[in-house]
Amino acid sequence: MSYGVEALPTLATIFADGTITTIYSNCHNRLLKKGEIAIILADHIESIPYFSLIGLQNCMLESCPDNPNFVEYYLDFMARRGMHKTFARDYAFWLRSAERKERYRSRN
């Protein structure tokens, strides 16, 4: 986290890693995978444009009440659709996009 946005490209390379960790998700009642943790970390560093990259937007955030990991809601949706590899590719493309650079520049 302390590396900030500089860590995002490296985290994206881990998104598809299905290795089970010992980190438990109260939201999903299961252990998280390395790739899922990388996605959560990336989202904490810089908010992921969920709808643009996943095609799903949860405006109500009802599925995981009181969970600070907003992206965690999307993890099972992505897994059911086999999206972790394509998400990693699309996210890496988004990181390099003019849209993202402009969005980031306007916040700083």
C-alpha atoms as a PDB file:
ATOM      1  CA  MET A   1       0.000   0.000   0.000  1.00  0.00           C
ATOM      2  CA  SER A   2       2.824   2.414   0.798  1.00  0.00           C
ATOM      3  CA  TYR A   3       4.017   2.228  -2.840  1.00  0.00           C
ATOM      4  CA  GLY A   4       0.736   3.807  -3.916  1.00  0.00           C
ATOM      5  CA  VAL A   5      -0.142   3.942  -7.606  1.00  0.00           C
ATOM      6  CA  GLU A   6       3.337   2.680  -8.495  1.00  0.00           C
ATOM      7  CA  ALA A   7       2.280  -0.753  -7.174  1.00  0.00           C
ATOM      8  CA  LEU A   8      -0.787  -1.040  -9.411  1.00  0.00           C
ATOM      9  CA  PRO A   9       0.903  -2.602 -12.489  1.00  0.00           C
ATOM     10  CA  THR A  10       2.595  -5.201 -10.293  1.00  0.00           C
ATOM     11  CA  LEU A  11      -0.620  -5.982  -8.430  1.00  0.00           C
ATOM     12  CA  ALA A  12      -2.398  -6.440 -11.791  1.00  0.00           C
ATOM     13  CA  THR A  13       0.012  -9.260 -12.663  1.00  0.00           C
ATOM     14  CA  ILE A  14      -1.249 -11.154  -9.596  1.00  0.00           C
ATOM     15  CA  PHE A  15      -5.019 -10.744 -10.211  1.00  0.00           C
ATOM     16  CA  ALA A  16      -5.427 -14.177 -11.837  1.00  0.00           C
ATOM     17  CA  ASP A  17      -3.465 -16.049  -9.125  1.00  0.00           C
ATOM     18  CA  GLY A  18      -5.856 -18.646  -7.699  1.00  0.00           C
ATOM     19  CA  THR A  19      -3.613 -19.708  -4.807  1.00  0.00           C
ATOM     20  CA  ILE A  20      -5.690 -19.957  -1.618  1.00  0.00           C
ATOM     21  CA  THR A  21      -4.412 -17.890   1.309  1.00  0.00           C
ATOM     22  CA  THR A  22      -5.179 -17.966   5.028  1.00  0.00           C
ATOM     23  CA  ILE A  23      -7.046 -14.644   4.828  1.00  0.00           C
ATOM     24  CA  TYR A  24     -10.722 -15.186   5.571  1.00  0.00           C
ATOM     25  CA  SER A  25     -13.494 -13.169   3.921  1.00  0.00           C
ATOM     26  CA  ASN A  26     -16.491 -12.540   6.158  1.00  0.00           C
ATOM     27  CA  CYS A  27     -18.258 -11.269   3.069  1.00  0.00           C
ATOM     28  CA  HIS A  28     -18.001 -14.604   1.240  1.00  0.00           C
ATOM     29  CA  ASN A  29     -17.450 -16.955   4.198  1.00  0.00           C
ATOM     30  CA  ARG A  30     -14.339 -18.453   2.624  1.00  0.00           C
ATOM     31  CA  LEU A  31     -10.594 -17.976   2.297  1.00  0.00           C
ATOM     32  CA  LEU A  32      -9.451 -15.449  -0.284  1.00  0.00           C
ATOM     33  CA  LYS A  33      -7.106 -16.157  -3.183  1.00  0.00           C
ATOM     34  CA  LYS A  34      -3.872 -14.225  -3.769  1.00  0.00           C
ATOM     35  CA  GLY A  35      -5.340 -12.604  -6.854  1.00  0.00           C
ATOM     36  CA  GLU A  36      -8.405 -11.458  -4.948  1.00  0.00           C
ATOM     37  CA  ILE A  37      -6.240  -9.849  -2.288  1.00  0.00           C
ATOM     38  CA  ALA A  38      -4.278  -8.072  -5.015  1.00  0.00           C
ATOM     39  CA  ILE A  39      -7.560  -6.754  -6.461  1.00  0.00           C
ATOM     40  CA  ILE A  40      -8.675  -5.533  -3.023  1.00  0.00           C
ATOM     41  CA  LEU A  41      -5.323  -3.801  -2.453  1.00  0.00           C
ATOM     42  CA  ALA A  42      -5.427  -2.178  -5.890  1.00  0.00           C
ATOM     43  CA  ASP A  43      -8.939  -0.894  -5.199  1.00  0.00           C
ATOM     44  CA  HIS A  44      -7.793   0.626  -1.893  1.00  0.00           C
ATOM     45  CA  ILE A  45      -4.914   2.379  -3.640  1.00  0.00           C
ATOM     46  CA  GLU A  46      -7.064   3.727  -6.464  1.00  0.00           C
ATOM     47  CA  SER A  47     -10.758   3.009  -6.927  1.00  0.00           C
ATOM     48  CA  ILE A  48     -11.396   0.513  -9.724  1.00  0.00           C
ATOM     49  CA  PRO A  49     -13.958   1.601 -12.350  1.00  0.00           C
ATOM     50  CA  TYR A  50     -16.126  -1.475 -11.782  1.00  0.00           C
ATOM     51  CA  PHE A  51     -18.702  -0.942 -14.485  1.00  0.00           C
ATOM     52  CA  SER A  52     -16.118  -0.156 -17.168  1.00  0.00           C
ATOM     53  CA  LEU A  53     -14.013  -3.217 -16.402  1.00  0.00           C
ATOM     54  CA  ILE A  54     -16.490  -5.771 -15.090  1.00  0.00           C
ATOM     55  CA  GLY A  55     -19.798  -4.684 -16.582  1.00  0.00           C
ATOM     56  CA  LEU A  56     -21.506  -4.656 -13.188  1.00  0.00           C
ATOM     57  CA  GLN A  57     -22.157  -1.757 -10.852  1.00  0.00           C
ATOM     58  CA  ASN A  58     -23.399  -2.228  -7.286  1.00  0.00           C
ATOM     59  CA  CYS A  59     -24.777   1.135  -6.256  1.00  0.00           C
ATOM     60  CA  MET A  60     -26.379  -0.122  -3.062  1.00  0.00           C
ATOM     61  CA  LEU A  61     -23.481  -2.124  -1.596  1.00  0.00           C
ATOM     62  CA  GLU A  62     -25.917  -4.448   0.160  1.00  0.00           C
ATOM     63  CA  SER A  63     -24.139  -7.754  -0.264  1.00  0.00           C
ATOM     64  CA  CYS A  64     -21.291  -7.121   2.190  1.00  0.00           C
ATOM     65  CA  PRO A  65     -22.554  -4.728   4.879  1.00  0.00           C
ATOM     66  CA  ASP A  66     -19.919  -2.857   6.877  1.00  0.00           C
ATOM     67  CA  ASN A  67     -17.130  -4.216   4.662  1.00  0.00           C
ATOM     68  CA  PRO A  68     -14.506  -1.604   3.710  1.00  0.00           C
ATOM     69  CA  ASN A  69     -13.475  -3.683   0.668  1.00  0.00           C
ATOM     70  CA  PHE A  70     -16.084  -2.499  -1.832  1.00  0.00           C
ATOM     71  CA  VAL A  71     -14.561  -4.563  -4.634  1.00  0.00           C
ATOM     72  CA  GLU A  72     -15.071  -7.737  -2.608  1.00  0.00           C
ATOM     73  CA  TYR A  73     -18.708  -7.776  -3.755  1.00  0.00           C
ATOM     74  CA  TYR A  74     -17.517  -8.381  -7.327  1.00  0.00           C
ATOM     75  CA  LEU A  75     -15.071 -11.228  -6.678  1.00  0.00           C
ATOM     76  CA  ASP A  76     -17.525 -14.122  -6.886  1.00  0.00           C
ATOM     77  CA  PHE A  77     -19.275 -12.525  -9.866  1.00  0.00           C
ATOM     78  CA  MET A  78     -15.915 -12.376 -11.653  1.00  0.00           C
ATOM     79  CA  ALA A  79     -15.000 -15.941 -10.667  1.00  0.00           C
ATOM     80  CA  ARG A  80     -18.323 -17.374 -11.855  1.00  0.00           C
ATOM     81  CA  ARG A  81     -17.715 -15.797 -15.250  1.00  0.00           C
ATOM     82  CA  GLY A  82     -14.030 -16.766 -15.421  1.00  0.00           C
ATOM     83  CA  MET A  83     -13.098 -13.106 -15.590  1.00  0.00           C
ATOM     84  CA  HIS A  84      -9.944 -12.920 -13.443  1.00  0.00           C
ATOM     85  CA  LYS A  85      -7.579 -13.310 -16.408  1.00  0.00           C
ATOM     86  CA  THR A  86      -9.514 -10.957 -18.663  1.00  0.00           C
ATOM     87  CA  PHE A  87      -9.947  -8.533 -15.771  1.00  0.00           C
ATOM     88  CA  ALA A  88      -6.178  -8.482 -15.226  1.00  0.00           C
ATOM     89  CA  ARG A  89      -5.660  -7.715 -18.922  1.00  0.00           C
ATOM     90  CA  ASP A  90      -8.400  -5.073 -19.037  1.00  0.00           C
ATOM     91  CA  TYR A  91      -7.192  -3.458 -15.814  1.00  0.00           C
ATOM     92  CA  ALA A  92      -3.604  -3.246 -17.096  1.00  0.00           C
ATOM     93  CA  PHE A  93      -4.923  -1.627 -20.289  1.00  0.00           C
ATOM     94  CA  TRP A  94      -7.013   0.795 -18.224  1.00  0.00           C
ATOM     95  CA  LEU A  95      -3.954   1.751 -16.138  1.00  0.00           C
ATOM     96  CA  ARG A  96      -2.237   2.911 -19.327  1.00  0.00           C
ATOM     97  CA  SER A  97      -5.319   4.621 -20.762  1.00  0.00           C
ATOM     98  CA  ALA A  98      -5.647   8.351 -21.320  1.00  0.00           C
ATOM     99  CA  GLU A  99      -8.954   8.255 -19.415  1.00  0.00           C
ATOM    100  CA  ARG A 100      -7.306   6.910 -16.282  1.00  0.00           C
ATOM    101  CA  LYS A 101      -4.313   9.239 -16.550  1.00  0.00           C
ATOM    102  CA  GLU A 102      -6.631  12.244 -16.869  1.00  0.00           C
ATOM    103  CA  ARG A 103      -8.743  11.038 -13.951  1.00  0.00           C
ATOM    104  CA  TYR A 104      -5.648  10.552 -11.805  1.00  0.00           C
ATOM    105  CA  ARG A 105      -4.124  13.880 -12.869  1.00  0.00           C
ATOM    106  CA  SER A 106      -7.316  15.789 -12.013  1.00  0.00           C
ATOM    107  CA  ARG A 107      -7.287  14.401  -8.451  1.00  0.00           C
ATOM    108  CA  ASN A 108      -3.690  15.368  -7.736  1.00  0.00           C
END
